[in-house]
Amino acid sequence: MSPEEIRRILEFYQDLGIKSIYRRGSQLTAAPMPAAEPETLSFDQLPPLPPRAPSARPAARPVPPPAPSFDDAPMTFDDLPPLPPKPGRLQPPPARPVAPSAPAPVPAMATPKKIDLIPLAPENDSLQQIRTDLGDCKRCRLCEGRNKIVFGHGNESSPLVFVGEGPGADEDASGLPFVGRAGQLLTQMIEGTAGKEGIAIKRADVYICNVVKCRPPENRAPQPDEMEICGQFLFRQLSAIKPKAICALGATAAKAVLGTKEGVTKLRGNWHKWGEVPVMVTYHPSYLLRPYNQNAKREAWEDLKKVLHFVYD
């Protein structure tokens, strides 16, 4: 073993805090003392080692400062020294001032071509033309079980239009709206209220129609797509008549005319708008036929009084 190797081994054990080592033959060890008494070798008995070259041992690394504890005084980012740039990363050059330039000329826009939209209600539309356009309608599934199309009936120049939900069995058989029990009650409501209020009108003086023109199976409520398809003809009917007011009977009629999801209880008693035409919402006569709806009957009569006085006074 060369002196340089012995010196490195001694320094290694000295850094570990070992004051003496034992030599067994030509080997040095720091193991516990064996049973036989070996020769003890102290650091003071070793011959001085030749000096090392300056580059033989790397320089000691700087010890980083201890991390601050939470009990230390608070520090801000301004107290920290700036970090040196990482090697190999290019630093962005300082921004150069840019001289203001003249704005680029805006190219002339071509004049858009005017598109003539097809109106929902044709000019000079009439109920006769709407009925002709409706024809033997097969635009939705309601045509599969119907007997007759129930278009509408009454005074085509009436200032008041009643809009119901859809035909029932009696209406599907006759082709006329509101001719069953609910229709008889509607007739009593119109003529009875008008007589008590001193307004000389009969049912034939108003116009009555429905949202859908064919009877839904089992008298169910019309589906949204059915209401949308038939709604275009209802729109044309109201646009052609140009009434002074509309009375929507029931939730389905209110939804179709006003485009709302509110119920009759919240809508009734107050005026609403279809375009520029005032709309009064009230209960459907079939709802009033039920014996437990006595309060609703009184409210429906009050709604009808408002409509009649608004239109005919």
C-alpha atoms as a PDB file:
ATOM      1  CA  MET A   1       0.000   0.000   0.000  1.00  0.00           C
ATOM      2  CA  SER A   2       1.430   3.345  -1.014  1.00  0.00           C
ATOM      3  CA  PRO A   3       1.795   6.240   1.410  1.00  0.00           C
ATOM      4  CA  GLU A   4      -0.802   8.218  -0.545  1.00  0.00           C
ATOM      5  CA  GLU A   5      -3.390   5.458  -0.079  1.00  0.00           C
ATOM      6  CA  ILE A   6      -2.539   5.179   3.643  1.00  0.00           C
ATOM      7  CA  ARG A   7      -2.939   8.934   3.996  1.00  0.00           C
ATOM      8  CA  ARG A   8      -6.371   8.888   2.359  1.00  0.00           C
ATOM      9  CA  ILE A   9      -7.523   6.014   4.587  1.00  0.00           C
ATOM     10  CA  LEU A  10      -6.290   7.813   7.713  1.00  0.00           C
ATOM     11  CA  GLU A  11      -8.013  11.013   6.708  1.00  0.00           C
ATOM     12  CA  PHE A  12     -11.221   9.083   6.089  1.00  0.00           C
ATOM     13  CA  TYR A  13     -11.162   7.548   9.604  1.00  0.00           C
ATOM     14  CA  GLN A  14     -10.077  10.840  11.121  1.00  0.00           C
ATOM     15  CA  ASP A  15     -13.131  12.534   9.586  1.00  0.00           C
ATOM     16  CA  LEU A  16     -15.225   9.817  11.262  1.00  0.00           C
ATOM     17  CA  GLY A  17     -13.760  10.728  14.687  1.00  0.00           C
ATOM     18  CA  ILE A  18     -11.592   7.608  15.114  1.00  0.00           C
ATOM     19  CA  LYS A  19      -8.435   8.391  17.072  1.00  0.00           C
ATOM     20  CA  SER A  20      -6.548   5.093  16.577  1.00  0.00           C
ATOM     21  CA  ILE A  21      -6.663   2.120  14.250  1.00  0.00           C
ATOM     22  CA  TYR A  22      -5.248  -1.387  14.344  1.00  0.00           C
ATOM     23  CA  ARG A  23      -2.970  -2.856  11.815  1.00  0.00           C
ATOM     24  CA  ARG A  24      -3.200  -6.555  10.991  1.00  0.00           C
ATOM     25  CA  GLY A  25      -0.448  -7.541   8.670  1.00  0.00           C
ATOM     26  CA  SER A  26      -0.448  -4.993   5.872  1.00  0.00           C
ATOM     27  CA  GLN A  27      -4.154  -3.994   6.302  1.00  0.00           C
ATOM     28  CA  LEU A  28      -5.647  -1.165   8.325  1.00  0.00           C
ATOM     29  CA  THR A  29      -9.025  -1.664   9.970  1.00  0.00           C
ATOM     30  CA  ALA A  30     -11.273   0.179  12.392  1.00  0.00           C
ATOM     31  CA  ALA A  31     -13.123  -2.990  13.429  1.00  0.00           C
ATOM     32  CA  PRO A  32     -13.384  -3.958  17.124  1.00  0.00           C
ATOM     33  CA  MET A  33     -10.242  -5.349  18.679  1.00  0.00           C
ATOM     34  CA  PRO A  34      -9.804  -9.127  18.085  1.00  0.00           C
ATOM     35  CA  ALA A  35      -9.083 -11.654  20.801  1.00  0.00           C
ATOM     36  CA  ALA A  36      -5.336 -11.583  20.077  1.00  0.00           C
ATOM     37  CA  GLU A  37      -3.658  -8.379  21.096  1.00  0.00           C
ATOM     38  CA  PRO A  38      -2.781  -6.658  17.796  1.00  0.00           C
ATOM     39  CA  GLU A  39      -0.250  -3.962  17.429  1.00  0.00           C
ATOM     40  CA  THR A  40      -1.756  -0.561  18.210  1.00  0.00           C
ATOM     41  CA  LEU A  41      -0.981   2.229  15.780  1.00  0.00           C
ATOM     42  CA  SER A  42      -1.606   5.806  16.858  1.00  0.00           C
ATOM     43  CA  PHE A  43      -1.814   8.800  14.568  1.00  0.00           C
ATOM     44  CA  ASP A  44       1.123  10.328  16.481  1.00  0.00           C
ATOM     45  CA  GLN A  45       3.367   7.362  15.575  1.00  0.00           C
ATOM     46  CA  LEU A  46       2.684   7.655  11.841  1.00  0.00           C
ATOM     47  CA  PRO A  47       5.319   9.277   9.721  1.00  0.00           C
ATOM     48  CA  PRO A  48       4.310  12.614   8.295  1.00  0.00           C
ATOM     49  CA  LEU A  49       2.588  12.330   4.970  1.00  0.00           C
ATOM     50  CA  PRO A  50       3.861  14.158   1.959  1.00  0.00           C
ATOM     51  CA  PRO A  51       1.895  17.310   1.168  1.00  0.00           C
ATOM     52  CA  ARG A  52      -0.890  16.901  -1.341  1.00  0.00           C
ATOM     53  CA  ALA A  53      -1.111  18.754  -4.529  1.00  0.00           C
ATOM     54  CA  PRO A  54      -3.562  21.654  -4.304  1.00  0.00           C
ATOM     55  CA  SER A  55      -5.876  20.041  -6.870  1.00  0.00           C
ATOM     56  CA  ALA A  56      -5.901  16.597  -5.243  1.00  0.00           C
ATOM     57  CA  ARG A  57      -8.866  17.453  -2.935  1.00  0.00           C
ATOM     58  CA  PRO A  58     -11.846  19.412  -4.167  1.00  0.00           C
ATOM     59  CA  ALA A  59     -12.682  22.640  -2.455  1.00  0.00           C
ATOM     60  CA  ALA A  60     -15.248  22.433   0.282  1.00  0.00           C
ATOM     61  CA  ARG A  61     -18.761  23.344  -0.782  1.00  0.00           C
ATOM     62  CA  PRO A  62     -20.274  26.414   0.786  1.00  0.00           C
ATOM     63  CA  VAL A  63     -22.744  25.490   3.492  1.00  0.00           C
ATOM     64  CA  PRO A  64     -26.172  26.977   2.704  1.00  0.00           C
ATOM     65  CA  PRO A  65     -27.724  29.097   5.416  1.00  0.00           C
ATOM     66  CA  PRO A  66     -30.294  27.337   7.564  1.00  0.00           C
ATOM     67  CA  ALA A  67     -33.894  27.612   6.405  1.00  0.00           C
ATOM     68  CA  PRO A  68     -35.830  30.243   8.325  1.00  0.00           C
ATOM     69  CA  SER A  69     -38.329  28.954  10.818  1.00  0.00           C
ATOM     70  CA  PHE A  70     -41.888  30.155  11.176  1.00  0.00           C
ATOM     71  CA  ASP A  71     -40.862  32.010  14.320  1.00  0.00           C
ATOM     72  CA  ASP A  72     -38.415  34.255  12.417  1.00  0.00           C
ATOM     73  CA  ALA A  73     -39.325  37.739  11.380  1.00  0.00           C
ATOM     74  CA  PRO A  74     -41.530  37.815   8.258  1.00  0.00           C
ATOM     75  CA  MET A  75     -39.724  38.315   4.982  1.00  0.00           C
ATOM     76  CA  THR A  76     -40.955  39.735   1.705  1.00  0.00           C
ATOM     77  CA  PHE A  77     -39.842  39.005  -1.798  1.00  0.00           C
ATOM     78  CA  ASP A  78     -38.086  42.357  -1.865  1.00  0.00           C
ATOM     79  CA  ASP A  79     -35.716  41.129   0.907  1.00  0.00           C
ATOM     80  CA  LEU A  80     -34.503  38.176  -1.155  1.00  0.00           C
ATOM     81  CA  PRO A  81     -31.403  38.578  -3.339  1.00  0.00           C
ATOM     82  CA  PRO A  82     -31.969  38.248  -7.076  1.00  0.00           C
ATOM     83  CA  LEU A  83     -31.430  34.778  -8.486  1.00  0.00           C
ATOM     84  CA  PRO A  84     -28.543  34.381 -10.923  1.00  0.00           C
ATOM     85  CA  PRO A  85     -29.570  33.432 -14.460  1.00  0.00           C
ATOM     86  CA  LYS A  86     -29.486  29.739 -15.202  1.00  0.00           C
ATOM     87  CA  PRO A  87     -26.616  28.664 -17.445  1.00  0.00           C
ATOM     88  CA  GLY A  88     -27.549  27.954 -20.996  1.00  0.00           C
ATOM     89  CA  ARG A  89     -30.783  29.987 -20.891  1.00  0.00           C
ATOM     90  CA  LEU A  90     -30.864  32.985 -23.134  1.00  0.00           C
ATOM     91  CA  GLN A  91     -32.100  36.146 -21.533  1.00  0.00           C
ATOM     92  CA  PRO A  92     -34.633  38.163 -23.525  1.00  0.00           C
ATOM     93  CA  PRO A  93     -33.180  41.303 -24.997  1.00  0.00           C
ATOM     94  CA  PRO A  94     -34.493  44.600 -23.704  1.00  0.00           C
ATOM     95  CA  ALA A  95     -37.562  45.857 -25.490  1.00  0.00           C
ATOM     96  CA  ARG A  96     -36.863  48.377 -28.170  1.00  0.00           C
ATOM     97  CA  PRO A  97     -39.071  51.409 -28.444  1.00  0.00           C
ATOM     98  CA  VAL A  98     -41.341  51.115 -31.443  1.00  0.00           C
ATOM     99  CA  ALA A  99     -42.039  54.227 -33.371  1.00  0.00           C
ATOM    100  CA  PRO A 100     -45.760  54.828 -33.969  1.00  0.00           C
ATOM    101  CA  SER A 101     -46.788  53.970 -37.478  1.00  0.00           C
ATOM    102  CA  ALA A 102     -49.658  55.206 -39.520  1.00  0.00           C
ATOM    103  CA  PRO A 103     -52.805  52.998 -39.278  1.00  0.00           C
ATOM    104  CA  ALA A 104     -53.309  50.640 -42.162  1.00  0.00           C
ATOM    105  CA  PRO A 105     -56.061  51.707 -44.517  1.00  0.00           C
ATOM    106  CA  VAL A 106     -59.358  49.888 -43.958  1.00  0.00           C
ATOM    107  CA  PRO A 107     -60.460  48.098 -47.129  1.00  0.00           C
ATOM    108  CA  ALA A 108     -63.804  49.125 -48.456  1.00  0.00           C
ATOM    109  CA  MET A 109     -66.540  46.684 -47.480  1.00  0.00           C
ATOM    110  CA  ALA A 110     -68.803  45.391 -50.172  1.00  0.00           C
ATOM    111  CA  THR A 111     -72.436  46.367 -49.722  1.00  0.00           C
ATOM    112  CA  PRO A 112     -74.303  43.282 -48.477  1.00  0.00           C
ATOM    113  CA  LYS A 113     -76.946  41.940 -50.761  1.00  0.00           C
ATOM    114  CA  LYS A 114     -80.434  42.541 -49.479  1.00  0.00           C
ATOM    115  CA  ILE A 115     -82.362  39.349 -48.760  1.00  0.00           C
ATOM    116  CA  ASP A 116     -86.125  39.478 -48.849  1.00  0.00           C
ATOM    117  CA  LEU A 117     -87.500  37.328 -46.022  1.00  0.00           C
ATOM    118  CA  ILE A 118     -90.665  35.335 -46.560  1.00  0.00           C
ATOM    119  CA  PRO A 119     -93.296  36.667 -44.125  1.00  0.00           C
ATOM    120  CA  LEU A 120     -95.018  34.252 -41.788  1.00  0.00           C
ATOM    121  CA  ALA A 121     -98.357  35.733 -42.782  1.00  0.00           C
ATOM    122  CA  PRO A 122     -98.631  36.554 -46.513  1.00  0.00           C
ATOM    123  CA  GLU A 123     -99.837  39.988 -47.519  1.00  0.00           C
ATOM    124  CA  ASN A 124    -103.612  40.327 -47.786  1.00  0.00           C
ATOM    125  CA  ASP A 125    -104.008  36.970 -46.038  1.00  0.00           C
ATOM    126  CA  SER A 126    -107.519  35.730 -45.292  1.00  0.00           C
ATOM    127  CA  LEU A 127    -109.126  32.905 -43.354  1.00  0.00           C
ATOM    128  CA  GLN A 128    -110.286  31.347 -46.612  1.00  0.00           C
ATOM    129  CA  GLN A 129    -106.724  31.347 -47.967  1.00  0.00           C
ATOM    130  CA  ILE A 130    -105.401  29.878 -44.691  1.00  0.00           C
ATOM    131  CA  ARG A 131    -107.972  27.078 -44.838  1.00  0.00           C
ATOM    132  CA  THR A 132    -106.965  26.369 -48.422  1.00  0.00           C
ATOM    133  CA  ASP A 133    -103.285  26.242 -47.490  1.00  0.00           C
ATOM    134  CA  LEU A 134    -104.078  23.909 -44.591  1.00  0.00           C
ATOM    135  CA  GLY A 135    -105.728  21.493 -46.991  1.00  0.00           C
ATOM    136  CA  ASP A 136    -105.987  17.848 -45.943  1.00  0.00           C
ATOM    137  CA  CYS A 137    -103.170  18.417 -43.451  1.00  0.00           C
ATOM    138  CA  LYS A 138    -100.853  15.509 -42.738  1.00  0.00           C
ATOM    139  CA  ARG A 139     -97.986  17.547 -41.288  1.00  0.00           C
ATOM    140  CA  CYS A 140     -97.962  15.795 -37.889  1.00  0.00           C
ATOM    141  CA  ARG A 141     -99.085  12.555 -36.251  1.00  0.00           C
ATOM    142  CA  LEU A 142    -102.467  13.983 -35.179  1.00  0.00           C
ATOM    143  CA  CYS A 143    -103.825  13.369 -38.680  1.00  0.00           C
ATOM    144  CA  GLU A 144    -103.672   9.607 -38.122  1.00  0.00           C
ATOM    145  CA  GLY A 145    -106.677   9.404 -35.792  1.00  0.00           C
ATOM    146  CA  ARG A 146    -108.752  12.421 -36.737  1.00  0.00           C
ATOM    147  CA  ASN A 147    -112.153  12.441 -38.376  1.00  0.00           C
ATOM    148  CA  LYS A 148    -112.375  16.110 -39.401  1.00  0.00           C
ATOM    149  CA  ILE A 149    -110.120  19.142 -39.265  1.00  0.00           C
ATOM    150  CA  VAL A 150    -111.536  21.746 -36.852  1.00  0.00           C
ATOM    151  CA  PHE A 151    -110.347  25.029 -38.346  1.00  0.00           C
ATOM    152  CA  GLY A 152    -112.413  27.656 -36.489  1.00  0.00           C
ATOM    153  CA  HIS A 153    -115.847  29.243 -36.494  1.00  0.00           C
ATOM    154  CA  GLY A 154    -117.592  32.552 -35.852  1.00  0.00           C
ATOM    155  CA  ASN A 155    -117.467  36.163 -36.966  1.00  0.00           C
ATOM    156  CA  GLU A 156    -114.342  36.538 -39.117  1.00  0.00           C
ATOM    157  CA  SER A 157    -114.314  40.307 -38.406  1.00  0.00           C
ATOM    158  CA  SER A 158    -114.815  39.937 -34.660  1.00  0.00           C
ATOM    159  CA  PRO A 159    -112.794  42.212 -32.346  1.00  0.00           C
ATOM    160  CA  LEU A 160    -112.593  39.303 -29.861  1.00  0.00           C
ATOM    161  CA  VAL A 161    -111.055  35.869 -30.491  1.00  0.00           C
ATOM    162  CA  PHE A 162    -111.198  32.899 -28.110  1.00  0.00           C
ATOM    163  CA  VAL A 163    -108.358  30.365 -28.443  1.00  0.00           C
ATOM    164  CA  GLY A 164    -108.744  26.872 -26.964  1.00  0.00           C
ATOM    165  CA  GLU A 165    -106.482  23.827 -26.768  1.00  0.00           C
ATOM    166  CA  GLY A 166    -107.765  21.323 -29.336  1.00  0.00           C
ATOM    167  CA  PRO A 167    -110.851  19.482 -30.559  1.00  0.00           C
ATOM    168  CA  GLY A 168    -112.564  16.806 -28.508  1.00  0.00           C
ATOM    169  CA  ALA A 169    -114.711  13.906 -29.671  1.00  0.00           C
ATOM    170  CA  ASP A 170    -117.764  16.070 -30.460  1.00  0.00           C
ATOM    171  CA  GLU A 171    -115.664  18.632 -32.298  1.00  0.00           C
ATOM    172  CA  ASP A 172    -113.845  15.914 -34.278  1.00  0.00           C
ATOM    173  CA  ALA A 173    -117.216  14.542 -35.423  1.00  0.00           C
ATOM    174  CA  SER A 174    -118.775  17.884 -36.370  1.00  0.00           C
ATOM    175  CA  GLY A 175    -115.725  19.869 -37.548  1.00  0.00           C
ATOM    176  CA  LEU A 176    -116.716  22.841 -35.340  1.00  0.00           C
ATOM    177  CA  PRO A 177    -114.915  24.099 -32.193  1.00  0.00           C
ATOM    178  CA  PHE A 178    -116.468  23.992 -28.713  1.00  0.00           C
ATOM    179  CA  VAL A 179    -119.723  22.120 -29.409  1.00  0.00           C
ATOM    180  CA  GLY A 180    -119.511  19.546 -26.571  1.00  0.00           C
ATOM    181  CA  ARG A 181    -120.145  20.129 -22.865  1.00  0.00           C
ATOM    182  CA  ALA A 182    -117.220  22.537 -22.579  1.00  0.00           C
ATOM    183  CA  GLY A 183    -118.521  24.427 -25.607  1.00  0.00           C
ATOM    184  CA  GLN A 184    -121.993  24.726 -24.104  1.00  0.00           C
ATOM    185  CA  LEU A 185    -120.479  26.161 -20.935  1.00  0.00           C
ATOM    186  CA  LEU A 186    -118.426  28.643 -22.987  1.00  0.00           C
ATOM    187  CA  THR A 187    -121.616  29.785 -24.728  1.00  0.00           C
ATOM    188  CA  GLN A 188    -123.292  30.368 -21.333  1.00  0.00           C
ATOM    189  CA  MET A 189    -120.250  32.278 -20.109  1.00  0.00           C
ATOM    190  CA  ILE A 190    -120.168  34.595 -23.129  1.00  0.00           C
ATOM    191  CA  GLU A 191    -123.880  35.276 -23.461  1.00  0.00           C
ATOM    192  CA  GLY A 192    -124.686  35.223 -19.729  1.00  0.00           C
ATOM    193  CA  THR A 193    -121.880  37.603 -18.771  1.00  0.00           C
ATOM    194  CA  ALA A 194    -122.607  39.915 -21.706  1.00  0.00           C
ATOM    195  CA  GLY A 195    -126.326  40.060 -20.767  1.00  0.00           C
ATOM    196  CA  LYS A 196    -125.572  40.896 -17.123  1.00  0.00           C
ATOM    197  CA  GLU A 197    -123.098  43.579 -18.139  1.00  0.00           C
ATOM    198  CA  GLY A 198    -125.450  45.145 -20.676  1.00  0.00           C
ATOM    199  CA  ILE A 199    -123.357  44.131 -23.718  1.00  0.00           C
ATOM    200  CA  ALA A 200    -125.494  42.957 -26.646  1.00  0.00           C
ATOM    201  CA  ILE A 201    -123.435  40.129 -28.140  1.00  0.00           C
ATOM    202  CA  LYS A 202    -123.951  36.428 -28.714  1.00  0.00           C
ATOM    203  CA  ARG A 203    -121.501  33.611 -29.242  1.00  0.00           C
ATOM    204  CA  ALA A 204    -121.860  33.940 -33.016  1.00  0.00           C
ATOM    205  CA  ASP A 205    -120.458  37.486 -32.776  1.00  0.00           C
ATOM    206  CA  VAL A 206    -117.004  36.278 -31.673  1.00  0.00           C
ATOM    207  CA  TYR A 207    -114.489  34.001 -33.367  1.00  0.00           C
ATOM    208  CA  ILE A 208    -113.380  30.736 -31.735  1.00  0.00           C
ATOM    209  CA  CYS A 209    -110.484  28.474 -32.760  1.00  0.00           C
ATOM    210  CA  ASN A 210    -107.944  26.084 -31.259  1.00  0.00           C
ATOM    211  CA  VAL A 211    -104.171  25.745 -31.100  1.00  0.00           C
ATOM    212  CA  VAL A 212    -104.212  22.361 -32.897  1.00  0.00           C
ATOM    213  CA  LYS A 213    -106.767  21.576 -35.580  1.00  0.00           C
ATOM    214  CA  CYS A 214    -106.985  17.783 -35.093  1.00  0.00           C
ATOM    215  CA  ARG A 215    -108.102  15.850 -32.025  1.00  0.00           C
ATOM    216  CA  PRO A 216    -105.200  14.434 -29.923  1.00  0.00           C
ATOM    217  CA  PRO A 217    -105.658  10.755 -28.999  1.00  0.00           C
ATOM    218  CA  GLU A 218    -107.607  10.230 -25.765  1.00  0.00           C
ATOM    219  CA  ASN A 219    -107.919  14.022 -25.491  1.00  0.00           C
ATOM    220  CA  ARG A 220    -104.317  14.294 -24.290  1.00  0.00           C
ATOM    221  CA  ALA A 221    -102.486  17.629 -24.309  1.00  0.00           C
ATOM    222  CA  PRO A 222    -100.825  18.478 -27.641  1.00  0.00           C
ATOM    223  CA  GLN A 223     -97.092  17.783 -27.897  1.00  0.00           C
ATOM    224  CA  PRO A 224     -94.636  20.663 -28.522  1.00  0.00           C
ATOM    225  CA  ASP A 225     -93.953  19.661 -32.152  1.00  0.00           C
ATOM    226  CA  GLU A 226     -97.690  19.403 -32.843  1.00  0.00           C
ATOM    227  CA  MET A 227     -98.249  22.854 -31.367  1.00  0.00           C
ATOM    228  CA  GLU A 228     -95.400  24.264 -33.431  1.00  0.00           C
ATOM    229  CA  ILE A 229     -96.743  22.883 -36.720  1.00  0.00           C
ATOM    230  CA  CYS A 230    -100.331  23.993 -36.106  1.00  0.00           C
ATOM    231  CA  GLY A 231     -99.135  27.218 -34.505  1.00  0.00           C
ATOM    232  CA  GLN A 232     -98.232  28.711 -37.886  1.00  0.00           C
ATOM    233  CA  PHE A 233    -101.877  28.506 -38.952  1.00  0.00           C
ATOM    234  CA  LEU A 234    -103.088  29.951 -35.638  1.00  0.00           C
ATOM    235  CA  PHE A 235    -100.620  32.821 -36.132  1.00  0.00           C
ATOM    236  CA  ARG A 236    -102.041  33.486 -39.576  1.00  0.00           C
ATOM    237  CA  GLN A 237    -105.608  33.310 -38.273  1.00  0.00           C
ATOM    238  CA  LEU A 238    -104.953  35.932 -35.596  1.00  0.00           C
ATOM    239  CA  SER A 239    -102.996  38.114 -38.025  1.00  0.00           C
ATOM    240  CA  ALA A 240    -105.807  37.982 -40.601  1.00  0.00           C
ATOM    241  CA  ILE A 241    -108.600  38.765 -38.106  1.00  0.00           C
ATOM    242  CA  LYS A 242    -106.624  41.515 -36.299  1.00  0.00           C
ATOM    243  CA  PRO A 243    -108.765  41.380 -33.123  1.00  0.00           C
ATOM    244  CA  LYS A 244    -108.826  44.020 -30.442  1.00  0.00           C
ATOM    245  CA  ALA A 245    -108.215  41.369 -27.760  1.00  0.00           C
ATOM    246  CA  ILE A 246    -107.573  37.629 -27.396  1.00  0.00           C
ATOM    247  CA  CYS A 247    -108.879  35.374 -24.635  1.00  0.00           C
ATOM    248  CA  ALA A 248    -106.673  32.299 -24.137  1.00  0.00           C
ATOM    249  CA  LEU A 249    -108.594  29.394 -22.585  1.00  0.00           C
ATOM    250  CA  GLY A 250    -106.306  27.171 -20.535  1.00  0.00           C
ATOM    251  CA  ALA A 251    -102.578  26.574 -20.166  1.00  0.00           C
ATOM    252  CA  THR A 252    -101.980  25.154 -23.669  1.00  0.00           C
ATOM    253  CA  ALA A 253    -103.537  28.189 -25.349  1.00  0.00           C
ATOM    254  CA  ALA A 254    -101.590  30.546 -23.079  1.00  0.00           C
ATOM    255  CA  LYS A 255     -98.341  28.763 -23.914  1.00  0.00           C
ATOM    256  CA  ALA A 256     -99.011  28.884 -27.659  1.00  0.00           C
ATOM    257  CA  VAL A 257    -100.068  32.535 -27.744  1.00  0.00           C
ATOM    258  CA  LEU A 258     -97.676  34.001 -25.180  1.00  0.00           C
ATOM    259  CA  GLY A 259     -94.782  31.541 -25.430  1.00  0.00           C
ATOM    260  CA  THR A 260     -94.697  31.146 -21.653  1.00  0.00           C
ATOM    261  CA  LYS A 261     -94.370  28.227 -19.244  1.00  0.00           C
ATOM    262  CA  GLU A 262     -96.331  29.860 -16.431  1.00  0.00           C
ATOM    263  CA  GLY A 263     -99.586  28.295 -15.295  1.00  0.00           C
ATOM    264  CA  VAL A 264    -103.059  29.757 -15.632  1.00  0.00           C
ATOM    265  CA  THR A 265    -103.231  30.609 -11.919  1.00  0.00           C
ATOM    266  CA  LYS A 266    -100.292  33.018 -12.234  1.00  0.00           C
ATOM    267  CA  LEU A 267    -101.305  34.447 -15.617  1.00  0.00           C
ATOM    268  CA  ARG A 268    -105.048  34.965 -15.217  1.00  0.00           C
ATOM    269  CA  GLY A 269    -106.580  38.280 -14.196  1.00  0.00           C
ATOM    270  CA  ASN A 270    -103.874  40.415 -15.859  1.00  0.00           C
ATOM    271  CA  TRP A 271    -103.368  41.665 -19.389  1.00  0.00           C
ATOM    272  CA  HIS A 272    -100.527  40.294 -21.510  1.00  0.00           C
ATOM    273  CA  LYS A 273     -99.448  40.930 -25.097  1.00  0.00           C
ATOM    274  CA  TRP A 274     -99.395  39.013 -28.376  1.00  0.00           C
ATOM    275  CA  GLY A 275     -97.510  41.496 -30.487  1.00  0.00           C
ATOM    276  CA  GLU A 276     -99.575  44.626 -29.911  1.00  0.00           C
ATOM    277  CA  VAL A 277    -102.799  42.766 -29.125  1.00  0.00           C
ATOM    278  CA  PRO A 278    -103.836  42.490 -25.447  1.00  0.00           C
ATOM    279  CA  VAL A 279    -104.322  38.933 -24.185  1.00  0.00           C
ATOM    280  CA  MET A 280    -106.352  37.764 -21.197  1.00  0.00           C
ATOM    281  CA  VAL A 281    -105.708  34.237 -19.883  1.00  0.00           C
ATOM    282  CA  THR A 282    -108.452  32.336 -18.043  1.00  0.00           C
ATOM    283  CA  TYR A 283    -109.483  28.770 -17.247  1.00  0.00           C
ATOM    284  CA  HIS A 284    -110.569  26.326 -19.939  1.00  0.00           C
ATOM    285  CA  PRO A 285    -114.321  25.522 -19.735  1.00  0.00           C
ATOM    286  CA  SER A 286    -113.589  21.786 -19.387  1.00  0.00           C
ATOM    287  CA  TYR A 287    -111.650  22.605 -16.194  1.00  0.00           C
ATOM    288  CA  LEU A 288    -114.633  24.549 -14.858  1.00  0.00           C
ATOM    289  CA  LEU A 289    -116.958  21.553 -15.365  1.00  0.00           C
ATOM    290  CA  ARG A 290    -115.302  19.713 -12.487  1.00  0.00           C
ATOM    291  CA  PRO A 291    -117.399  20.063  -9.300  1.00  0.00           C
ATOM    292  CA  TYR A 292    -114.487  20.998  -7.044  1.00  0.00           C
ATOM    293  CA  ASN A 293    -113.532  24.101  -9.064  1.00  0.00           C
ATOM    294  CA  GLN A 294    -116.226  26.484  -7.874  1.00  0.00           C
ATOM    295  CA  ASN A 295    -113.755  29.247  -7.016  1.00  0.00           C
ATOM    296  CA  ALA A 296    -112.227  28.937 -10.488  1.00  0.00           C
ATOM    297  CA  LYS A 297    -115.663  29.549 -12.027  1.00  0.00           C
ATOM    298  CA  ARG A 298    -116.024  32.850 -10.194  1.00  0.00           C
ATOM    299  CA  GLU A 299    -112.521  33.890 -11.289  1.00  0.00           C
ATOM    300  CA  ALA A 300    -113.241  32.935 -14.916  1.00  0.00           C
ATOM    301  CA  TRP A 301    -116.392  35.078 -14.911  1.00  0.00           C
ATOM    302  CA  GLU A 302    -114.390  38.028 -13.586  1.00  0.00           C
ATOM    303  CA  ASP A 303    -111.783  37.535 -16.327  1.00  0.00           C
ATOM    304  CA  LEU A 304    -114.490  37.420 -18.984  1.00  0.00           C
ATOM    305  CA  LYS A 305    -116.080  40.623 -17.671  1.00  0.00           C
ATOM    306  CA  LYS A 306    -112.732  42.421 -18.090  1.00  0.00           C
ATOM    307  CA  VAL A 307    -112.402  41.180 -21.652  1.00  0.00           C
ATOM    308  CA  LEU A 308    -115.939  42.106 -22.712  1.00  0.00           C
ATOM    309  CA  HIS A 309    -115.763  45.601 -21.249  1.00  0.00           C
ATOM    310  CA  PHE A 310    -112.335  46.222 -22.772  1.00  0.00           C
ATOM    311  CA  VAL A 311    -113.453  45.145 -26.246  1.00  0.00           C
ATOM    312  CA  TYR A 312    -117.045  46.403 -26.455  1.00  0.00           C
ATOM    313  CA  ASP A 313    -117.032  49.517 -24.247  1.00  0.00           C
END
